[in-house]
Amino acid sequence: MIVINCEKVKLTGNKMDEKVYDNFSGYPGGRKEEVAKDLLKRRPEVIIERAIKGMLPKNRLGRKMYKKLFVYAGAEHQHSAQKPAELKF
């Protein structure tokens, strides 16, 4: 699955200001939090990737499915040789 134009994602309500994405390195004091608005400016692919990963099953099959996901911020992608079919939503 190839997802393009993820920088155009819109969140409903106050999620842009209130939704927090956090990372934890495993070390003491290694937790970092970032608001959705800042993450969208810095790395817009992460918002879509985390949303889709949360919907997948938490087992071997889900991990294999996640490896087939490609998310790009712009309209260009490097998978044109595979001739992907376009789905419009």
C-alpha atoms as a PDB file:
ATOM      1  CA  MET A   1       0.000   0.000   0.000  1.00  0.00           C
ATOM      2  CA  ILE A   2       1.391   3.381  -1.017  1.00  0.00           C
ATOM      3  CA  VAL A   3       0.067   6.516   0.677  1.00  0.00           C
ATOM      4  CA  ILE A   4       0.959   9.886  -0.846  1.00  0.00           C
ATOM      5  CA  ASN A   5       0.289  13.524   0.113  1.00  0.00           C
ATOM      6  CA  CYS A   6       0.255  12.801   3.828  1.00  0.00           C
ATOM      7  CA  GLU A   7       1.231  16.404   4.613  1.00  0.00           C
ATOM      8  CA  LYS A   8      -2.359  17.345   3.726  1.00  0.00           C
ATOM      9  CA  VAL A   9      -3.859  15.290   6.551  1.00  0.00           C
ATOM     10  CA  LYS A  10      -6.471  17.043   8.700  1.00  0.00           C
ATOM     11  CA  LEU A  11      -7.432  16.140  12.241  1.00  0.00           C
ATOM     12  CA  THR A  12     -10.861  16.906  13.678  1.00  0.00           C
ATOM     13  CA  GLY A  13     -11.562  18.927  16.777  1.00  0.00           C
ATOM     14  CA  ASN A  14      -8.626  20.165  18.843  1.00  0.00           C
ATOM     15  CA  LYS A  15      -6.421  17.174  18.032  1.00  0.00           C
ATOM     16  CA  MET A  16      -3.782  19.317  16.286  1.00  0.00           C
ATOM     17  CA  ASP A  17      -3.088  21.106  19.574  1.00  0.00           C
ATOM     18  CA  GLU A  18      -3.961  18.389  22.100  1.00  0.00           C
ATOM     19  CA  LYS A  19      -2.925  15.027  20.607  1.00  0.00           C
ATOM     20  CA  VAL A  20       0.501  14.027  21.909  1.00  0.00           C
ATOM     21  CA  TYR A  21       2.829  11.519  20.281  1.00  0.00           C
ATOM     22  CA  ASP A  22       5.517  10.175  22.577  1.00  0.00           C
ATOM     23  CA  ASN A  23       8.711   8.183  22.110  1.00  0.00           C
ATOM     24  CA  PHE A  24      10.601   6.323  24.798  1.00  0.00           C
ATOM     25  CA  SER A  25      14.204   5.298  24.269  1.00  0.00           C
ATOM     26  CA  GLY A  26      14.263   2.917  27.222  1.00  0.00           C
ATOM     27  CA  TYR A  27      16.712   5.024  29.205  1.00  0.00           C
ATOM     28  CA  PRO A  28      15.829   7.071  32.289  1.00  0.00           C
ATOM     29  CA  GLY A  29      14.657  10.476  31.116  1.00  0.00           C
ATOM     30  CA  GLY A  30      14.407   9.182  27.551  1.00  0.00           C
ATOM     31  CA  ARG A  31      10.732  10.031  27.017  1.00  0.00           C
ATOM     32  CA  LYS A  32      10.017  12.695  24.401  1.00  0.00           C
ATOM     33  CA  GLU A  33       6.600  14.162  23.693  1.00  0.00           C
ATOM     34  CA  GLU A  34       5.505  16.073  20.613  1.00  0.00           C
ATOM     35  CA  VAL A  35       2.187  17.689  19.707  1.00  0.00           C
ATOM     36  CA  ALA A  36       0.541  16.634  16.411  1.00  0.00           C
ATOM     37  CA  LYS A  37       0.934  20.121  14.919  1.00  0.00           C
ATOM     38  CA  ASP A  38       4.712  20.079  15.400  1.00  0.00           C
ATOM     39  CA  LEU A  39       5.047  16.484  14.231  1.00  0.00           C
ATOM     40  CA  LEU A  40       3.077  17.282  11.071  1.00  0.00           C
ATOM     41  CA  LYS A  41       5.556  20.055  10.230  1.00  0.00           C
ATOM     42  CA  ARG A  42       8.625  17.956  11.001  1.00  0.00           C
ATOM     43  CA  ARG A  43       7.670  14.425   9.808  1.00  0.00           C
ATOM     44  CA  PRO A  44       4.137  14.153   8.353  1.00  0.00           C
ATOM     45  CA  GLU A  45       4.571  10.462   7.449  1.00  0.00           C
ATOM     46  CA  VAL A  46       4.703   9.413  11.095  1.00  0.00           C
ATOM     47  CA  ILE A  47       1.112  10.453  11.816  1.00  0.00           C
ATOM     48  CA  ILE A  48      -0.278   8.177   9.092  1.00  0.00           C
ATOM     49  CA  GLU A  49       2.124   5.329   9.887  1.00  0.00           C
ATOM     50  CA  ARG A  50       1.232   5.273  13.576  1.00  0.00           C
ATOM     51  CA  ALA A  51      -2.497   5.485  12.870  1.00  0.00           C
ATOM     52  CA  ILE A  52      -2.360   2.526  10.479  1.00  0.00           C
ATOM     53  CA  LYS A  53      -0.039   0.501  12.702  1.00  0.00           C
ATOM     54  CA  GLY A  54      -2.478   0.905  15.583  1.00  0.00           C
ATOM     55  CA  MET A  55      -5.256  -0.647  13.466  1.00  0.00           C
ATOM     56  CA  LEU A  56      -3.240  -3.707  12.444  1.00  0.00           C
ATOM     57  CA  PRO A  57      -3.206  -6.960  14.432  1.00  0.00           C
ATOM     58  CA  LYS A  58      -0.490  -7.221  17.073  1.00  0.00           C
ATOM     59  CA  ASN A  59       1.115 -10.450  15.823  1.00  0.00           C
ATOM     60  CA  ARG A  60       3.352 -11.811  13.042  1.00  0.00           C
ATOM     61  CA  LEU A  61       0.764 -11.091  10.375  1.00  0.00           C
ATOM     62  CA  GLY A  62       0.452  -7.449  11.486  1.00  0.00           C
ATOM     63  CA  ARG A  63       4.210  -6.974  11.322  1.00  0.00           C
ATOM     64  CA  LYS A  64       4.288  -8.405   7.784  1.00  0.00           C
ATOM     65  CA  MET A  65       1.414  -6.167   6.739  1.00  0.00           C
ATOM     66  CA  TYR A  66       3.153  -3.094   8.183  1.00  0.00           C
ATOM     67  CA  LYS A  67       6.283  -3.790   6.125  1.00  0.00           C
ATOM     68  CA  LYS A  68       4.186  -3.412   2.955  1.00  0.00           C
ATOM     69  CA  LEU A  69       3.117   0.137   3.886  1.00  0.00           C
ATOM     70  CA  PHE A  70       4.891   3.048   2.199  1.00  0.00           C
ATOM     71  CA  VAL A  71       3.994   6.626   3.193  1.00  0.00           C
ATOM     72  CA  TYR A  72       5.245   9.735   1.368  1.00  0.00           C
ATOM     73  CA  ALA A  73       4.725  13.415   2.170  1.00  0.00           C
ATOM     74  CA  GLY A  74       4.578  14.561  -1.455  1.00  0.00           C
ATOM     75  CA  ALA A  75       2.861  13.296  -4.589  1.00  0.00           C
ATOM     76  CA  GLU A  76       5.958  11.559  -5.973  1.00  0.00           C
ATOM     77  CA  HIS A  77       6.994   8.053  -5.013  1.00  0.00           C
ATOM     78  CA  GLN A  78       9.568   5.556  -6.274  1.00  0.00           C
ATOM     79  CA  HIS A  79       7.171   2.644  -6.889  1.00  0.00           C
ATOM     80  CA  SER A  80       5.945   3.592 -10.354  1.00  0.00           C
ATOM     81  CA  ALA A  81       7.685   0.572 -11.919  1.00  0.00           C
ATOM     82  CA  GLN A  82       5.271  -1.709 -10.037  1.00  0.00           C
ATOM     83  CA  LYS A  83       2.300   0.062 -11.713  1.00  0.00           C
ATOM     84  CA  PRO A  84       0.181   0.578  -8.575  1.00  0.00           C
ATOM     85  CA  ALA A  85      -3.583   0.961  -9.002  1.00  0.00           C
ATOM     86  CA  GLU A  86      -4.983   4.241  -7.675  1.00  0.00           C
ATOM     87  CA  LEU A  87      -7.742   4.274  -5.050  1.00  0.00           C
ATOM     88  CA  LYS A  88      -9.624   7.540  -4.531  1.00  0.00           C
ATOM     89  CA  PHE A  89     -11.314   8.352  -1.236  1.00  0.00           C
END
